[in-house]
C-alpha atoms as a PDB file:
ATOM      1  CA  GLN A   1     -29.307  53.346  52.245  1.00  0.00           C
ATOM      2  CA  VAL A   2     -26.746  54.010  55.267  1.00  0.00           C
ATOM      3  CA  GLN A   3     -26.280  50.748  57.353  1.00  0.00           C
ATOM      4  CA  LEU A   4     -23.953  50.496  60.535  1.00  0.00           C
ATOM      5  CA  VAL A   5     -23.412  47.336  61.674  1.00  0.00           C
ATOM      6  CA  GLU A   6     -21.416  46.685  65.768  1.00  0.00           C
ATOM      7  CA  SER A   7     -20.092  43.438  66.324  1.00  0.00           C
ATOM      8  CA  GLY A   8     -17.585  42.568  69.050  1.00  0.00           C
ATOM      9  CA  GLY A   9     -19.499  42.414  72.357  1.00  0.00           C
ATOM     10  CA  GLY A  10     -20.389  39.985  74.921  1.00  0.00           C
ATOM     11  CA  SER A  11     -19.686  38.848  78.761  1.00  0.00           C
ATOM     12  CA  VAL A  12     -16.555  39.188  80.401  1.00  0.00           C
ATOM     13  CA  GLN A  13     -14.813  39.319  83.952  1.00  0.00           C
ATOM     14  CA  ALA A  14     -13.806  42.734  85.542  1.00  0.00           C
ATOM     15  CA  GLY A  15     -10.715  43.580  84.155  1.00  0.00           C
ATOM     16  CA  GLY A  16     -10.896  42.026  80.778  1.00  0.00           C
ATOM     17  CA  SER A  17     -10.947  43.589  77.008  1.00  0.00           C
ATOM     18  CA  LEU A  18     -13.187  43.393  74.236  1.00  0.00           C
ATOM     19  CA  ARG A  19     -12.748  45.339  70.926  1.00  0.00           C
ATOM     20  CA  LEU A  20     -15.723  46.269  69.420  1.00  0.00           C
ATOM     21  CA  SER A  21     -16.276  46.826  65.436  1.00  0.00           C
ATOM     22  CA  CYS A  22     -18.614  49.329  63.408  1.00  0.00           C
ATOM     23  CA  ALA A  23     -18.848  48.206  59.608  1.00  0.00           C
ATOM     24  CA  ALA A  24     -20.480  51.000  57.375  1.00  0.00           C
ATOM     25  CA  SER A  25     -22.262  50.751  54.143  1.00  0.00           C
ATOM     26  CA  GLY A  26     -23.690  53.925  52.509  1.00  0.00           C
ATOM     27  CA  TYR A  27     -21.161  55.863  54.271  1.00  0.00           C
ATOM     28  CA  THR A  28     -17.726  56.986  53.976  1.00  0.00           C
ATOM     29  CA  PHE A  29     -16.163  57.093  58.040  1.00  0.00           C
ATOM     30  CA  ALA A  30     -13.371  59.136  56.566  1.00  0.00           C
ATOM     31  CA  SER A  31     -13.527  62.921  56.949  1.00  0.00           C
ATOM     32  CA  ASN A  32     -16.316  62.593  59.677  1.00  0.00           C
ATOM     33  CA  VAL A  33     -17.415  62.733  62.974  1.00  0.00           C
ATOM     34  CA  ILE A  34     -17.906  59.401  64.416  1.00  0.00           C
ATOM     35  CA  GLY A  35     -18.513  57.422  67.538  1.00  0.00           C
ATOM     36  CA  TRP A  36     -19.520  55.173  70.371  1.00  0.00           C
ATOM     37  CA  PHE A  37     -22.353  55.603  72.450  1.00  0.00           C
ATOM     38  CA  ARG A  38     -24.241  53.506  75.582  1.00  0.00           C
ATOM     39  CA  GLN A  39     -27.071  52.479  76.942  1.00  0.00           C
ATOM     40  CA  ALA A  40     -27.725  50.628  80.280  1.00  0.00           C
ATOM     41  CA  PRO A  41     -31.344  49.706  81.434  1.00  0.00           C
ATOM     42  CA  GLY A  42     -32.715  52.472  83.282  1.00  0.00           C
ATOM     43  CA  LYS A  43     -30.318  55.165  81.978  1.00  0.00           C
ATOM     44  CA  GLU A  44     -29.816  58.037  79.556  1.00  0.00           C
ATOM     45  CA  ARG A  45     -27.776  56.915  76.490  1.00  0.00           C
ATOM     46  CA  GLU A  46     -24.329  58.411  76.785  1.00  0.00           C
ATOM     47  CA  GLY A  47     -20.895  59.200  74.695  1.00  0.00           C
ATOM     48  CA  VAL A  48     -18.347  57.144  75.613  1.00  0.00           C
ATOM     49  CA  ALA A  49     -15.552  57.963  72.611  1.00  0.00           C
ATOM     50  CA  ALA A  50     -15.794  59.779  69.492  1.00  0.00           C
ATOM     51  CA  ILE A  51     -13.374  60.649  66.645  1.00  0.00           C
ATOM     52  CA  ASP A  52     -13.300  63.526  64.172  1.00  0.00           C
ATOM     53  CA  THR A  53     -11.488  61.230  61.218  1.00  0.00           C
ATOM     54  CA  GLY A  54     -11.002  64.374  59.285  1.00  0.00           C
ATOM     55  CA  GLY A  55      -9.083  66.069  61.951  1.00  0.00           C
ATOM     56  CA  GLY A  56      -7.632  63.265  63.962  1.00  0.00           C
ATOM     57  CA  SER A  57      -8.701  64.577  67.044  1.00  0.00           C
ATOM     58  CA  THR A  58     -10.515  62.210  69.616  1.00  0.00           C
ATOM     59  CA  TYR A  59     -12.814  62.261  72.507  1.00  0.00           C
ATOM     60  CA  TYR A  60     -13.331  60.515  75.146  1.00  0.00           C
ATOM     61  CA  ALA A  61     -15.858  60.047  78.413  1.00  0.00           C
ATOM     62  CA  ASP A  62     -14.159  60.895  81.716  1.00  0.00           C
ATOM     63  CA  SER A  63     -15.461  57.587  82.832  1.00  0.00           C
ATOM     64  CA  VAL A  64     -13.595  55.748  79.824  1.00  0.00           C
ATOM     65  CA  LYS A  65     -10.283  57.891  79.624  1.00  0.00           C
ATOM     66  CA  GLY A  66      -7.144  55.740  79.298  1.00  0.00           C
ATOM     67  CA  ARG A  67      -9.065  52.266  79.407  1.00  0.00           C
ATOM     68  CA  PHE A  68     -10.640  52.877  75.927  1.00  0.00           C
ATOM     69  CA  THR A  69      -9.283  53.992  72.522  1.00  0.00           C
ATOM     70  CA  ILE A  70     -11.050  54.603  69.520  1.00  0.00           C
ATOM     71  CA  SER A  71      -9.757  54.293  65.674  1.00  0.00           C
ATOM     72  CA  GLN A  72     -10.816  53.528  62.568  1.00  0.00           C
ATOM     73  CA  ASP A  73      -9.752  52.239  59.195  1.00  0.00           C
ATOM     74  CA  ASN A  74     -10.412  54.216  56.089  1.00  0.00           C
ATOM     75  CA  ALA A  75      -9.819  50.982  54.016  1.00  0.00           C
ATOM     76  CA  LYS A  76     -12.379  48.822  55.760  1.00  0.00           C
ATOM     77  CA  ASN A  77     -14.581  51.507  56.512  1.00  0.00           C
ATOM     78  CA  THR A  78     -14.583  50.419  59.764  1.00  0.00           C
ATOM     79  CA  MET A  79     -14.383  52.050  63.321  1.00  0.00           C
ATOM     80  CA  TYR A  80     -12.996  50.549  66.056  1.00  0.00           C
ATOM     81  CA  LEU A  81     -13.370  50.500  70.033  1.00  0.00           C
ATOM     82  CA  GLN A  82     -10.664  49.027  72.142  1.00  0.00           C
ATOM     83  CA  MET A  83     -12.308  48.220  75.331  1.00  0.00           C
ATOM     84  CA  ASN A  84      -9.463  47.524  78.235  1.00  0.00           C
ATOM     85  CA  SER A  85      -9.629  47.446  82.187  1.00  0.00           C
ATOM     86  CA  LEU A  86     -13.567  46.891  82.011  1.00  0.00           C
ATOM     87  CA  LYS A  87     -15.467  47.483  84.851  1.00  0.00           C
ATOM     88  CA  PRO A  88     -18.984  46.243  85.697  1.00  0.00           C
ATOM     89  CA  GLU A  89     -20.135  49.620  85.221  1.00  0.00           C
ATOM     90  CA  ASP A  90     -19.585  49.427  81.322  1.00  0.00           C
ATOM     91  CA  THR A  91     -22.175  47.416  81.238  1.00  0.00           C
ATOM     92  CA  ALA A  92     -24.644  48.430  78.413  1.00  0.00           C
ATOM     93  CA  MET A  93     -25.265  47.969  74.831  1.00  0.00           C
ATOM     94  CA  TYR A  94     -22.909  49.924  72.619  1.00  0.00           C
ATOM     95  CA  TYR A  95     -24.008  51.462  69.631  1.00  0.00           C
ATOM     96  CA  CYS A  96     -22.132  52.958  66.274  1.00  0.00           C
ATOM     97  CA  ALA A  97     -23.007  56.249  65.384  1.00  0.00           C
ATOM     98  CA  ALA A  98     -21.914  58.268  62.143  1.00  0.00           C
ATOM     99  CA  ASP A  99     -22.363  61.806  61.167  1.00  0.00           C
ATOM    100  CA  GLY A 100     -21.726  63.632  63.950  1.00  0.00           C
ATOM    101  CA  VAL A 101     -20.008  67.054  64.721  1.00  0.00           C
ATOM    102  CA  SER A 102     -17.130  67.973  66.520  1.00  0.00           C
ATOM    103  CA  TRP A 103     -18.091  71.241  68.274  1.00  0.00           C
ATOM    104  CA  PRO A 104     -19.693  71.946  70.398  1.00  0.00           C
ATOM    105  CA  ASN A 105     -19.951  68.337  72.223  1.00  0.00           C
ATOM    106  CA  PRO A 106     -19.087  65.204  69.463  1.00  0.00           C
ATOM    107  CA  LEU A 107     -20.178  63.100  72.524  1.00  0.00           C
ATOM    108  CA  ASP A 108     -24.055  64.405  72.410  1.00  0.00           C
ATOM    109  CA  PRO A 109     -25.716  61.509  70.911  1.00  0.00           C
ATOM    110  CA  TYR A 110     -28.431  64.022  69.672  1.00  0.00           C
ATOM    111  CA  GLU A 111     -25.683  65.278  66.836  1.00  0.00           C
ATOM    112  CA  TYR A 112     -25.792  62.120  65.272  1.00  0.00           C
ATOM    113  CA  ASN A 113     -27.672  61.083  62.352  1.00  0.00           C
ATOM    114  CA  TYR A 114     -26.997  57.457  61.854  1.00  0.00           C
ATOM    115  CA  TRP A 115     -26.886  54.977  64.253  1.00  0.00           C
ATOM    116  CA  GLY A 116     -26.449  50.843  64.423  1.00  0.00           C
ATOM    117  CA  GLN A 117     -28.706  48.390  66.368  1.00  0.00           C
ATOM    118  CA  GLY A 118     -26.058  48.056  68.859  1.00  0.00           C
ATOM    119  CA  THR A 119     -23.869  45.360  70.393  1.00  0.00           C
ATOM    120  CA  GLN A 120     -24.251  44.205  74.329  1.00  0.00           C
ATOM    121  CA  VAL A 121     -21.214  44.744  76.633  1.00  0.00           C
ATOM    122  CA  THR A 122     -21.563  42.245  79.850  1.00  0.00           C
ATOM    123  CA  VAL A 123     -18.723  42.988  82.426  1.00  0.00           C
ATOM    124  CA  SER A 124     -19.279  40.656  85.367  1.00  0.00           C
ATOM    125  CA  SER A 125     -17.640  41.175  88.806  1.00  0.00           C
END
């Protein structure tokens, strides 16, 4: 069974940093499209960042570009999201997702087949 487990969430002040991790079992991150999504209360789930681990291309939502960095460690079968300069509007449940597509939109949550249960990120002002 495919399992994705997120970790690294927590509460930080605006301007702080967090590093989220997503460990996979039953699925190989290498040569696939994987990503991070988030959902705030009352809001739709939105794509944050994605990576095509085969080609190396990365994709970011405009709201996080320049602040967040997605990466993966194939040896550990783990994906990361480095989140810097956090803002209160970044507050959300963050989800790891796998088995997406690089085209037409790798930040479309409906294109992904596997999901973790999420880790909460709260940014206070």
